[in-house]
Amino acid sequence: PLAILCLAASWFLAAAGVFVRDLGHAVGLTVTALLFLSPVLYPLSAL
């Protein structure tokens, strides 16, 4: 499912990136935020 999720993101963002050239900057910020909004740096039980 991780590979499928990545494929979904890649298909969508690759298509959108052709028409919206600022998308790369927004994706960079979103991905950084996602690091702190996912149980990666801390356990889910800490929430």
All heavy atoms as atom14 arrays in JSON, in Angstrom:
{
  "sequence": "PLAILCLAASWFLAAAGVFVRDLGHAVGLTVTALLFLSPVLYPLSAL",
  "atom14_mask": [
    [1, 1, 1, 1, 1, 1, 1, 0, 0, 0, 0, 0, 0, 0],
    [1, 1, 1, 1, 1, 1, 1, 1, 0, 0, 0, 0, 0, 0],
    [1, 1, 1, 1, 1, 0, 0, 0, 0, 0, 0, 0, 0, 0],
    [1, 1, 1, 1, 1, 1, 1, 1, 0, 0, 0, 0, 0, 0],
    [1, 1, 1, 1, 1, 1, 1, 1, 0, 0, 0, 0, 0, 0],
    [1, 1, 1, 1, 1, 1, 0, 0, 0, 0, 0, 0, 0, 0],
    [1, 1, 1, 1, 1, 1, 1, 1, 0, 0, 0, 0, 0, 0],
    [1, 1, 1, 1, 1, 0, 0, 0, 0, 0, 0, 0, 0, 0],
    [1, 1, 1, 1, 1, 0, 0, 0, 0, 0, 0, 0, 0, 0],
    [1, 1, 1, 1, 1, 1, 0, 0, 0, 0, 0, 0, 0, 0],
    [1, 1, 1, 1, 1, 1, 1, 1, 1, 1, 1, 1, 1, 1],
    [1, 1, 1, 1, 1, 1, 1, 1, 1, 1, 1, 0, 0, 0],
    [1, 1, 1, 1, 1, 1, 1, 1, 0, 0, 0, 0, 0, 0],
    [1, 1, 1, 1, 1, 0, 0, 0, 0, 0, 0, 0, 0, 0],
    [1, 1, 1, 1, 1, 0, 0, 0, 0, 0, 0, 0, 0, 0],
    [1, 1, 1, 1, 1, 0, 0, 0, 0, 0, 0, 0, 0, 0],
    [1, 1, 1, 1, 0, 0, 0, 0, 0, 0, 0, 0, 0, 0],
    [1, 1, 1, 1, 1, 1, 1, 0, 0, 0, 0, 0, 0, 0],
    [1, 1, 1, 1, 1, 1, 1, 1, 1, 1, 1, 0, 0, 0],
    [1, 1, 1, 1, 1, 1, 1, 0, 0, 0, 0, 0, 0, 0],
    [1, 1, 1, 1, 1, 1, 1, 1, 1, 1, 1, 0, 0, 0],
    [1, 1, 1, 1, 1, 1, 1, 1, 0, 0, 0, 0, 0, 0],
    [1, 1, 1, 1, 1, 1, 1, 1, 0, 0, 0, 0, 0, 0],
    [1, 1, 1, 1, 0, 0, 0, 0, 0, 0, 0, 0, 0, 0],
    [1, 1, 1, 1, 1, 1, 1, 1, 1, 1, 0, 0, 0, 0],
    [1, 1, 1, 1, 1, 0, 0, 0, 0, 0, 0, 0, 0, 0],
    [1, 1, 1, 1, 1, 1, 1, 0, 0, 0, 0, 0, 0, 0],
    [1, 1, 1, 1, 0, 0, 0, 0, 0, 0, 0, 0, 0, 0],
    [1, 1, 1, 1, 1, 1, 1, 1, 0, 0, 0, 0, 0, 0],
    [1, 1, 1, 1, 1, 1, 1, 0, 0, 0, 0, 0, 0, 0],
    [1, 1, 1, 1, 1, 1, 1, 0, 0, 0, 0, 0, 0, 0],
    [1, 1, 1, 1, 1, 1, 1, 0, 0, 0, 0, 0, 0, 0],
    [1, 1, 1, 1, 1, 0, 0, 0, 0, 0, 0, 0, 0, 0],
    [1, 1, 1, 1, 1, 1, 1, 1, 0, 0, 0, 0, 0, 0],
    [1, 1, 1, 1, 1, 1, 1, 1, 0, 0, 0, 0, 0, 0],
    [1, 1, 1, 1, 1, 1, 1, 1, 1, 1, 1, 0, 0, 0],
    [1, 1, 1, 1, 1, 1, 1, 1, 0, 0, 0, 0, 0, 0],
    [1, 1, 1, 1, 1, 1, 0, 0, 0, 0, 0, 0, 0, 0],
    [1, 1, 1, 1, 1, 1, 1, 0, 0, 0, 0, 0, 0, 0],
    [1, 1, 1, 1, 1, 1, 1, 0, 0, 0, 0, 0, 0, 0],
    [1, 1, 1, 1, 1, 1, 1, 1, 0, 0, 0, 0, 0, 0],
    [1, 1, 1, 1, 1, 1, 1, 1, 1, 1, 1, 1, 0, 0],
    [1, 1, 1, 1, 1, 1, 1, 0, 0, 0, 0, 0, 0, 0],
    [1, 1, 1, 1, 1, 1, 1, 1, 0, 0, 0, 0, 0, 0],
    [1, 1, 1, 1, 1, 1, 0, 0, 0, 0, 0, 0, 0, 0],
    [1, 1, 1, 1, 1, 0, 0, 0, 0, 0, 0, 0, 0, 0],
    [1, 1, 1, 1, 1, 1, 1, 1, 0, 0, 0, 0, 0, 0]
  ],
  "atom14_positions": [
    [[0.82, -1.24, 0.0], [0.0, 0.0, 0.0], [0.84, 1.26, 0.0], [0.4, 2.3, -0.51], [-0.83, -0.13, 1.29], [-0.13, -1.14, 2.12], [0.53, -2.08, 1.16], [0.0, 0.0, 0.0], [0.0, 0.0, 0.0], [0.0, 0.0, 0.0], [0.0, 0.0, 0.0], [0.0, 0.0, 0.0], [0.0, 0.0, 0.0], [0.0, 0.0, 0.0]],
    [[2.06, 1.21, 0.54], [2.94, 2.38, 0.48], [3.3, 2.69, -0.96], [3.26, 3.86, -1.38], [4.2, 2.12, 1.3], [5.29, 3.2, 1.2], [4.77, 4.55, 1.71], [6.54, 2.78, 1.98], [0.0, 0.0, 0.0], [0.0, 0.0, 0.0], [0.0, 0.0, 0.0], [0.0, 0.0, 0.0], [0.0, 0.0, 0.0], [0.0, 0.0, 0.0]],
    [[3.64, 1.66, -1.73], [3.98, 1.87, -3.14], [2.77, 2.41, -3.92], [2.92, 3.29, -4.78], [4.47, 0.56, -3.76], [0.0, 0.0, 0.0], [0.0, 0.0, 0.0], [0.0, 0.0, 0.0], [0.0, 0.0, 0.0], [0.0, 0.0, 0.0], [0.0, 0.0, 0.0], [0.0, 0.0, 0.0], [0.0, 0.0, 0.0], [0.0, 0.0, 0.0]],
    [[1.58, 1.89, -3.61], [0.37, 2.37, -4.3], [0.09, 3.82, -3.95], [-0.27, 4.63, -4.81], [-0.83, 1.48, -3.95], [-0.6, 0.04, -4.42], [-2.11, 2.02, -4.58], [-1.67, -0.93, -3.97], [0.0, 0.0, 0.0], [0.0, 0.0, 0.0], [0.0, 0.0, 0.0], [0.0, 0.0, 0.0], [0.0, 0.0, 0.0], [0.0, 0.0, 0.0]],
    [[0.27, 4.17, -2.67], [0.07, 5.56, -2.23], [1.05, 6.48, -2.94], [0.69, 7.58, -3.39], [0.25, 5.65, -0.72], [0.17, 7.05, -0.11], [-1.23, 7.64, -0.3], [0.54, 7.01, 1.37], [0.0, 0.0, 0.0], [0.0, 0.0, 0.0], [0.0, 0.0, 0.0], [0.0, 0.0, 0.0], [0.0, 0.0, 0.0], [0.0, 0.0, 0.0]],
    [[2.31, 6.05, -3.04], [3.32, 6.85, -3.73], [2.98, 7.02, -5.2], [3.19, 8.09, -5.79], [4.69, 6.2, -3.58], [5.37, 6.26, -1.92], [0.0, 0.0, 0.0], [0.0, 0.0, 0.0], [0.0, 0.0, 0.0], [0.0, 0.0, 0.0], [0.0, 0.0, 0.0], [0.0, 0.0, 0.0], [0.0, 0.0, 0.0], [0.0, 0.0, 0.0]],
    [[2.46, 5.95, -5.82], [2.08, 6.03, -7.22], [0.93, 7.02, -7.42], [0.92, 7.79, -8.38], [1.68, 4.65, -7.73], [1.31, 4.55, -9.21], [2.48, 5.02, -10.08], [0.93, 3.12, -9.58], [0.0, 0.0, 0.0], [0.0, 0.0, 0.0], [0.0, 0.0, 0.0], [0.0, 0.0, 0.0], [0.0, 0.0, 0.0], [0.0, 0.0, 0.0]],
    [[-0.03, 7.01, -6.48], [-1.14, 7.97, -6.55], [-0.61, 9.4, -6.48], [-1.01, 10.26, -7.27], [-2.14, 7.7, -5.42], [0.0, 0.0, 0.0], [0.0, 0.0, 0.0], [0.0, 0.0, 0.0], [0.0, 0.0, 0.0], [0.0, 0.0, 0.0], [0.0, 0.0, 0.0], [0.0, 0.0, 0.0], [0.0, 0.0, 0.0], [0.0, 0.0, 0.0]],
    [[0.28, 9.65, -5.53], [0.84, 10.99, -5.38], [1.65, 11.38, -6.61], [1.58, 12.53, -7.08], [1.72, 11.04, -4.13], [0.0, 0.0, 0.0], [0.0, 0.0, 0.0], [0.0, 0.0, 0.0], [0.0, 0.0, 0.0], [0.0, 0.0, 0.0], [0.0, 0.0, 0.0], [0.0, 0.0, 0.0], [0.0, 0.0, 0.0], [0.0, 0.0, 0.0]],
    [[2.41, 10.43, -7.15], [3.27, 10.74, -8.3], [2.45, 11.03, -9.55], [2.74, 11.98, -10.28], [4.22, 9.57, -8.54], [5.23, 9.92, -9.47], [0.0, 0.0, 0.0], [0.0, 0.0, 0.0], [0.0, 0.0, 0.0], [0.0, 0.0, 0.0], [0.0, 0.0, 0.0], [0.0, 0.0, 0.0], [0.0, 0.0, 0.0], [0.0, 0.0, 0.0]],
    [[1.43, 10.24, -9.82], [0.59, 10.49, -10.99], [-0.09, 11.85, -10.89], [-0.1, 12.63, -11.85], [-0.47, 9.39, -11.12], [-0.08, 8.28, -12.05], [0.79, 8.35, -13.09], [-0.57, 6.93, -12.01], [0.87, 7.13, -13.71], [0.06, 6.24, -13.08], [-1.46, 6.25, -11.19], [-0.18, 4.9, -13.35], [-1.71, 4.91, -11.45], [-1.07, 4.25, -12.52]],
    [[-0.68, 12.12, -9.72], [-1.42, 13.38, -9.56], [-0.5, 14.59, -9.62], [-0.76, 15.55, -10.35], [-2.19, 13.37, -8.23], [-2.88, 14.67, -7.94], [-4.07, 15.0, -8.56], [-2.32, 15.58, -7.05], [-4.7, 16.21, -8.31], [-2.94, 16.79, -6.78], [-4.14, 17.1, -7.41], [0.0, 0.0, 0.0], [0.0, 0.0, 0.0], [0.0, 0.0, 0.0]],
    [[0.59, 14.56, -8.86], [1.49, 15.71, -8.79], [2.26, 15.91, -10.09], [2.56, 17.06, -10.46], [2.46, 15.54, -7.62], [1.82, 15.56, -6.23], [2.86, 15.25, -5.16], [1.15, 16.9, -5.95], [0.0, 0.0, 0.0], [0.0, 0.0, 0.0], [0.0, 0.0, 0.0], [0.0, 0.0, 0.0], [0.0, 0.0, 0.0], [0.0, 0.0, 0.0]],
    [[2.58, 14.82, -10.78], [3.26, 14.96, -12.07], [2.37, 15.66, -13.08], [2.82, 16.54, -13.83], [3.68, 13.59, -12.59], [0.0, 0.0, 0.0], [0.0, 0.0, 0.0], [0.0, 0.0, 0.0], [0.0, 0.0, 0.0], [0.0, 0.0, 0.0], [0.0, 0.0, 0.0], [0.0, 0.0, 0.0], [0.0, 0.0, 0.0], [0.0, 0.0, 0.0]],
    [[1.09, 15.29, -13.09], [0.15, 15.93, -14.01], [-0.09, 17.39, -13.62], [-0.07, 18.29, -14.47], [-1.17, 15.16, -14.01], [0.0, 0.0, 0.0], [0.0, 0.0, 0.0], [0.0, 0.0, 0.0], [0.0, 0.0, 0.0], [0.0, 0.0, 0.0], [0.0, 0.0, 0.0], [0.0, 0.0, 0.0], [0.0, 0.0, 0.0], [0.0, 0.0, 0.0]],
    [[-0.31, 17.65, -12.33], [-0.59, 19.01, -11.88], [0.64, 19.91, -12.04], [0.5, 21.11, -12.32], [-1.04, 18.99, -10.42], [0.0, 0.0, 0.0], [0.0, 0.0, 0.0], [0.0, 0.0, 0.0], [0.0, 0.0, 0.0], [0.0, 0.0, 0.0], [0.0, 0.0, 0.0], [0.0, 0.0, 0.0], [0.0, 0.0, 0.0], [0.0, 0.0, 0.0]],
    [[1.83, 19.33, -11.87], [3.05, 20.11, -11.97], [3.29, 20.68, -13.35], [4.01, 21.68, -13.5], [0.0, 0.0, 0.0], [0.0, 0.0, 0.0], [0.0, 0.0, 0.0], [0.0, 0.0, 0.0], [0.0, 0.0, 0.0], [0.0, 0.0, 0.0], [0.0, 0.0, 0.0], [0.0, 0.0, 0.0], [0.0, 0.0, 0.0], [0.0, 0.0, 0.0]],
    [[2.71, 20.08, -14.37], [2.86, 20.6, -15.73], [2.17, 21.95, -15.87], [2.66, 22.84, -16.57], [2.28, 19.59, -16.75], [2.28, 20.19, -18.15], [3.09, 18.3, -16.73], [0.0, 0.0, 0.0], [0.0, 0.0, 0.0], [0.0, 0.0, 0.0], [0.0, 0.0, 0.0], [0.0, 0.0, 0.0], [0.0, 0.0, 0.0], [0.0, 0.0, 0.0]],
    [[1.04, 22.11, -15.18], [0.23, 23.32, -15.34], [0.45, 24.33, -14.22], [0.19, 25.52, -14.39], [-1.25, 22.93, -15.4], [-1.56, 21.9, -16.45], [-1.77, 20.57, -16.1], [-1.62, 22.25, -17.79], [-2.05, 19.62, -17.06], [-1.88, 21.3, -18.76], [-2.1, 19.98, -18.39], [0.0, 0.0, 0.0], [0.0, 0.0, 0.0], [0.0, 0.0, 0.0]],
    [[0.87, 23.87, -13.05], [1.08, 24.76, -11.89], [2.56, 24.65, -11.51], [2.95, 23.75, -10.78], [0.18, 24.37, -10.7], [0.37, 25.38, -9.56], [-1.27, 24.31, -11.13], [0.0, 0.0, 0.0], [0.0, 0.0, 0.0], [0.0, 0.0, 0.0], [0.0, 0.0, 0.0], [0.0, 0.0, 0.0], [0.0, 0.0, 0.0], [0.0, 0.0, 0.0]],
    [[3.37, 25.58, -11.96], [4.82, 25.48, -11.76], [5.24, 25.77, -10.32], [6.35, 25.43, -9.93], [5.54, 26.42, -12.73], [5.3, 26.08, -14.2], [5.73, 24.65, -14.52], [5.39, 24.23, -15.85], [6.17, 24.4, -16.91], [7.34, 24.99, -16.77], [5.77, 24.0, -18.1], [0.0, 0.0, 0.0], [0.0, 0.0, 0.0], [0.0, 0.0, 0.0]],
    [[4.37, 26.41, -9.54], [4.7, 26.68, -8.14], [4.4, 25.47, -7.25], [4.66, 25.52, -6.03], [3.9, 27.87, -7.61], [4.35, 29.17, -8.23], [5.49, 29.21, -8.73], [3.55, 30.13, -8.23], [0.0, 0.0, 0.0], [0.0, 0.0, 0.0], [0.0, 0.0, 0.0], [0.0, 0.0, 0.0], [0.0, 0.0, 0.0], [0.0, 0.0, 0.0]],
    [[3.88, 24.42, -7.82], [3.45, 23.28, -7.03], [4.6, 22.64, -6.25], [4.42, 22.18, -5.12], [2.8, 22.23, -7.94], [2.17, 21.01, -7.24], [1.05, 21.45, -6.32], [1.64, 20.03, -8.28], [0.0, 0.0, 0.0], [0.0, 0.0, 0.0], [0.0, 0.0, 0.0], [0.0, 0.0, 0.0], [0.0, 0.0, 0.0], [0.0, 0.0, 0.0]],
    [[5.79, 22.64, -6.84], [6.94, 22.03, -6.17], [7.22, 22.64, -4.82], [7.54, 21.94, -3.85], [0.0, 0.0, 0.0], [0.0, 0.0, 0.0], [0.0, 0.0, 0.0], [0.0, 0.0, 0.0], [0.0, 0.0, 0.0], [0.0, 0.0, 0.0], [0.0, 0.0, 0.0], [0.0, 0.0, 0.0], [0.0, 0.0, 0.0], [0.0, 0.0, 0.0]],
    [[7.09, 23.97, -4.71], [7.33, 24.65, -3.44], [6.27, 24.26, -2.41], [6.6, 24.01, -1.24], [7.32, 26.17, -3.64], [8.36, 26.64, -4.62], [9.71, 26.68, -4.33], [8.24, 27.08, -5.91], [10.38, 27.13, -5.37], [9.52, 27.38, -6.35], [0.0, 0.0, 0.0], [0.0, 0.0, 0.0], [0.0, 0.0, 0.0], [0.0, 0.0, 0.0]],
    [[5.03, 24.2, -2.85], [3.95, 23.83, -1.94], [4.09, 22.38, -1.46], [3.84, 22.07, -0.29], [2.59, 24.02, -2.63], [0.0, 0.0, 0.0], [0.0, 0.0, 0.0], [0.0, 0.0, 0.0], [0.0, 0.0, 0.0], [0.0, 0.0, 0.0], [0.0, 0.0, 0.0], [0.0, 0.0, 0.0], [0.0, 0.0, 0.0], [0.0, 0.0, 0.0]],
    [[4.5, 21.5, -2.37], [4.67, 20.1, -2.0], [5.79, 19.94, -0.98], [5.67, 19.17, -0.02], [4.95, 19.24, -3.25], [5.37, 17.82, -2.85], [3.71, 19.19, -4.14], [0.0, 0.0, 0.0], [0.0, 0.0, 0.0], [0.0, 0.0, 0.0], [0.0, 0.0, 0.0], [0.0, 0.0, 0.0], [0.0, 0.0, 0.0], [0.0, 0.0, 0.0]],
    [[6.88, 20.7, -1.17], [7.98, 20.63, -0.21], [7.54, 21.01, 1.19], [7.89, 20.33, 2.17], [0.0, 0.0, 0.0], [0.0, 0.0, 0.0], [0.0, 0.0, 0.0], [0.0, 0.0, 0.0], [0.0, 0.0, 0.0], [0.0, 0.0, 0.0], [0.0, 0.0, 0.0], [0.0, 0.0, 0.0], [0.0, 0.0, 0.0], [0.0, 0.0, 0.0]],
    [[6.75, 22.07, 1.31], [6.24, 22.48, 2.62], [5.27, 21.46, 3.2], [5.3, 21.15, 4.39], [5.55, 23.85, 2.5], [6.46, 25.05, 2.23], [5.63, 26.29, 1.97], [7.41, 25.27, 3.4], [0.0, 0.0, 0.0], [0.0, 0.0, 0.0], [0.0, 0.0, 0.0], [0.0, 0.0, 0.0], [0.0, 0.0, 0.0], [0.0, 0.0, 0.0]],
    [[4.41, 20.92, 2.33], [3.42, 19.94, 2.78], [4.09, 18.67, 3.28], [3.7, 18.11, 4.31], [2.45, 19.61, 1.65], [1.81, 20.81, 1.21], [1.39, 18.63, 2.11], [0.0, 0.0, 0.0], [0.0, 0.0, 0.0], [0.0, 0.0, 0.0], [0.0, 0.0, 0.0], [0.0, 0.0, 0.0], [0.0, 0.0, 0.0], [0.0, 0.0, 0.0]],
    [[5.09, 18.21, 2.56], [5.8, 16.99, 2.95], [6.52, 17.19, 4.28], [6.54, 16.3, 5.13], [6.79, 16.58, 1.84], [7.76, 15.52, 2.35], [6.04, 16.05, 0.64], [0.0, 0.0, 0.0], [0.0, 0.0, 0.0], [0.0, 0.0, 0.0], [0.0, 0.0, 0.0], [0.0, 0.0, 0.0], [0.0, 0.0, 0.0], [0.0, 0.0, 0.0]],
    [[7.1, 18.38, 4.49], [7.75, 18.68, 5.77], [6.73, 18.66, 6.9], [6.98, 18.1, 7.98], [8.44, 20.05, 5.71], [9.43, 20.03, 4.68], [9.11, 20.36, 7.04], [0.0, 0.0, 0.0], [0.0, 0.0, 0.0], [0.0, 0.0, 0.0], [0.0, 0.0, 0.0], [0.0, 0.0, 0.0], [0.0, 0.0, 0.0], [0.0, 0.0, 0.0]],
    [[5.57, 19.28, 6.67], [4.51, 19.27, 7.68], [4.03, 17.85, 7.96], [3.73, 17.5, 9.11], [3.34, 20.15, 7.22], [0.0, 0.0, 0.0], [0.0, 0.0, 0.0], [0.0, 0.0, 0.0], [0.0, 0.0, 0.0], [0.0, 0.0, 0.0], [0.0, 0.0, 0.0], [0.0, 0.0, 0.0], [0.0, 0.0, 0.0], [0.0, 0.0, 0.0]],
    [[3.99, 17.03, 6.92], [3.52, 15.66, 7.08], [4.43, 14.85, 8.0], [3.97, 13.92, 8.67], [3.43, 14.98, 5.71], [2.7, 13.64, 5.63], [1.25, 13.8, 6.05], [2.77, 13.09, 4.21], [0.0, 0.0, 0.0], [0.0, 0.0, 0.0], [0.0, 0.0, 0.0], [0.0, 0.0, 0.0], [0.0, 0.0, 0.0], [0.0, 0.0, 0.0]],
    [[5.7, 15.2, 8.03], [6.63, 14.5, 8.92], [6.2, 14.65, 10.37], [6.32, 13.72, 11.17], [8.04, 15.08, 8.73], [9.13, 14.55, 9.68], [9.33, 13.05, 9.51], [10.43, 15.29, 9.45], [0.0, 0.0, 0.0], [0.0, 0.0, 0.0], [0.0, 0.0, 0.0], [0.0, 0.0, 0.0], [0.0, 0.0, 0.0], [0.0, 0.0, 0.0]],
    [[5.68, 15.84, 10.72], [5.27, 16.09, 12.1], [3.81, 15.73, 12.35], [3.39, 15.67, 13.51], [5.5, 17.57, 12.43], [6.95, 17.98, 12.34], [7.44, 18.57, 11.19], [7.81, 17.75, 13.39], [8.78, 18.94, 11.1], [9.15, 18.11, 13.31], [9.64, 18.7, 12.15], [0.0, 0.0, 0.0], [0.0, 0.0, 0.0], [0.0, 0.0, 0.0]],
    [[3.05, 15.49, 11.29], [1.65, 15.12, 11.43], [1.45, 13.62, 11.24], [0.31, 13.16, 11.13], [0.8, 15.89, 10.41], [0.76, 17.4, 10.61], [-0.02, 18.07, 9.48], [0.13, 17.75, 11.96], [0.0, 0.0, 0.0], [0.0, 0.0, 0.0], [0.0, 0.0, 0.0], [0.0, 0.0, 0.0], [0.0, 0.0, 0.0], [0.0, 0.0, 0.0]],
    [[2.53, 12.87, 11.21], [2.5, 11.41, 11.14], [3.25, 10.85, 12.34], [4.17, 11.5, 12.85], [3.16, 10.92, 9.84], [2.57, 11.51, 8.69], [0.0, 0.0, 0.0], [0.0, 0.0, 0.0], [0.0, 0.0, 0.0], [0.0, 0.0, 0.0], [0.0, 0.0, 0.0], [0.0, 0.0, 0.0], [0.0, 0.0, 0.0], [0.0, 0.0, 0.0]],
    [[2.89, 9.67, 12.8], [3.59, 9.09, 13.97], [4.96, 8.53, 13.57], [5.23, 7.33, 13.7], [2.63, 7.98, 14.41], [1.93, 7.56, 13.16], [1.78, 8.82, 12.35], [0.0, 0.0, 0.0], [0.0, 0.0, 0.0], [0.0, 0.0, 0.0], [0.0, 0.0, 0.0], [0.0, 0.0, 0.0], [0.0, 0.0, 0.0], [0.0, 0.0, 0.0]],
    [[5.82, 9.42, 13.09], [7.16, 9.03, 12.66], [8.19, 9.36, 13.73], [8.99, 8.5, 14.12], [7.54, 9.75, 11.35], [8.99, 9.47, 10.97], [6.61, 9.32, 10.22], [0.0, 0.0, 0.0], [0.0, 0.0, 0.0], [0.0, 0.0, 0.0], [0.0, 0.0, 0.0], [0.0, 0.0, 0.0], [0.0, 0.0, 0.0], [0.0, 0.0, 0.0]],
    [[8.15, 10.59, 14.25], [9.12, 11.04, 15.25], [8.65, 10.77, 16.67], [9.4, 11.03, 17.62], [9.37, 12.55, 15.09], [9.84, 13.0, 13.69], [10.0, 14.52, 13.66], [11.13, 12.32, 13.31], [0.0, 0.0, 0.0], [0.0, 0.0, 0.0], [0.0, 0.0, 0.0], [0.0, 0.0, 0.0], [0.0, 0.0, 0.0], [0.0, 0.0, 0.0]],
    [[7.45, 10.26, 16.83], [6.89, 9.99, 18.15], [5.88, 8.85, 18.02], [5.34, 8.6, 16.94], [6.18, 11.24, 18.7], [5.25, 11.89, 17.71], [3.93, 11.44, 17.55], [5.67, 12.95, 16.91], [3.08, 12.02, 16.64], [4.83, 13.54, 15.99], [3.53, 13.08, 15.86], [2.69, 13.64, 14.94], [0.0, 0.0, 0.0], [0.0, 0.0, 0.0]],
    [[5.63, 8.13, 19.12], [4.65, 7.03, 19.06], [3.23, 7.56, 19.03], [2.94, 8.64, 19.56], [4.93, 6.24, 20.34], [5.51, 7.25, 21.28], [6.29, 8.21, 20.42], [0.0, 0.0, 0.0], [0.0, 0.0, 0.0], [0.0, 0.0, 0.0], [0.0, 0.0, 0.0], [0.0, 0.0, 0.0], [0.0, 0.0, 0.0], [0.0, 0.0, 0.0]],
    [[2.36, 6.81, 18.4], [0.95, 7.2, 18.34], [0.35, 7.28, 19.74], [-0.55, 8.07, 20.0], [0.18, 6.19, 17.49], [-1.21, 6.58, 16.98], [-1.13, 7.81, 16.09], [-1.84, 5.42, 16.23], [0.0, 0.0, 0.0], [0.0, 0.0, 0.0], [0.0, 0.0, 0.0], [0.0, 0.0, 0.0], [0.0, 0.0, 0.0], [0.0, 0.0, 0.0]],
    [[0.85, 6.47, 20.67], [0.34, 6.46, 22.03], [0.63, 7.75, 22.78], [0.03, 8.02, 23.83], [0.94, 5.27, 22.81], [2.36, 5.36, 22.82], [0.0, 0.0, 0.0], [0.0, 0.0, 0.0], [0.0, 0.0, 0.0], [0.0, 0.0, 0.0], [0.0, 0.0, 0.0], [0.0, 0.0, 0.0], [0.0, 0.0, 0.0], [0.0, 0.0, 0.0]],
    [[1.57, 8.57, 22.26], [1.91, 9.83, 22.92], [0.87, 10.91, 22.66], [0.89, 11.95, 23.31], [3.28, 10.31, 22.47], [0.0, 0.0, 0.0], [0.0, 0.0, 0.0], [0.0, 0.0, 0.0], [0.0, 0.0, 0.0], [0.0, 0.0, 0.0], [0.0, 0.0, 0.0], [0.0, 0.0, 0.0], [0.0, 0.0, 0.0], [0.0, 0.0, 0.0]],
    [[-0.01, 10.68, 21.72], [-1.01, 11.68, 21.36], [-2.19, 11.65, 22.32], [-2.54, 10.59, 22.86], [-1.52, 11.43, 19.93], [-0.51, 11.62, 18.81], [-1.11, 11.13, 17.5], [-0.1, 13.08, 18.69], [0.0, 0.0, 0.0], [0.0, 0.0, 0.0], [0.0, 0.0, 0.0], [0.0, 0.0, 0.0], [0.0, 0.0, 0.0], [0.0, 0.0, 0.0]]
  ]
}
